[in-house]
């Protein structure tokens, strides 16, 4: 090991562990957000106070004030009228924990980021990526409140459109961090056919599409209806009259519970089929690590499908629903790694480094 590489190693390791920590926290936050949705807790805090909202109510009077704010929105009047203060505290803690975790992620990302910038630790390429991730994180906070605000006046729950946008943006940030971590490791690019690269990228895109449809299912509570498999609404393919009765037609894709659940199922089948074809192609192409990664992705998608079916058949119990969501994060991680593995451009001898040696502050 050269003197330069010896100096790089500890600092590169610190940056990697920092990004791994942020990625893990985002995954945990996605699961807490899922639990918040499943327990109908997301509207329990009716104000957005980025700084003072860090503290929960500390006195009985503050609890009563928070409860009175909740009583003023449609969800309480139409769904939870007569709720006790003790019951309100239960849903409040879920939403407060979700928001607190978001603030913690911001701090865990920003403070080390500023320190590494101060020490001149990043290459220009890595710096751009990390600034972009920071900007997406700031946007996510605004999108979160935009989502909550949709359920405070005329609705009894948040908009499924905004819920899906909030979840997908969180996982885009997560995927960007995973991609960046992968790019920090210099390695040879595998020699594979172009079609394998295209199918790998298609798998990543389809995974995001499936996650988006899953968020619509959650937002519409569509998993609590049509709780049969493989049939849905009495058939493998429901009638067109049932799938497309809303006008204009495209609203069915987002608002019709039958259509939303059906498209979520069909996308799952397509994702599994594409993953298997990709894995078989990787084996036939003798792609080595690419083939191994492809079969791991197939296994994760199969597990995800099984959990999805069980969640549906049991009408969305919270434990199965969260397991289904957790494995979705694993599927996304594997899809990101597989795509990055296929499109990598650097070689093991590339002189460019994403992490610079520690320098003097300033």
Foldseek 3Di string as FASTA:
>chain_A
DDPFVVLQVVVLVVVLVLLVVLLVLLLVLLLLVLVLLVVVLQQLAPDDDLPVLLDQDDDPVSLVVSNVLSCQFPLCVPPNPPDDSVNSVVSPVSNSVSSNSLVVSLCSLPPVLVVCVQQVWFDPVLNVLSVVLNVLSVVLVVLSVVQNVQRGYPHSHGALQSQLVSSLSSLVSSLSSLLSSLLQDAAAAFDFDPVLLVLLVVLLVLLSVLSSLVSLCSRQLLLQAQLDPPDGPRHVDDDPCLQQVDPPRCVSCRHRSSNSVNVSVVSLVVSLVSLVVSLVRCVVRVRPVLNVLSVVLNVLSVVLVVLSSVCSNVSHDSVSVSVSSSSSSVNNSSSSSSSSSNPPDGHNPDPDGRTGRGHDGD
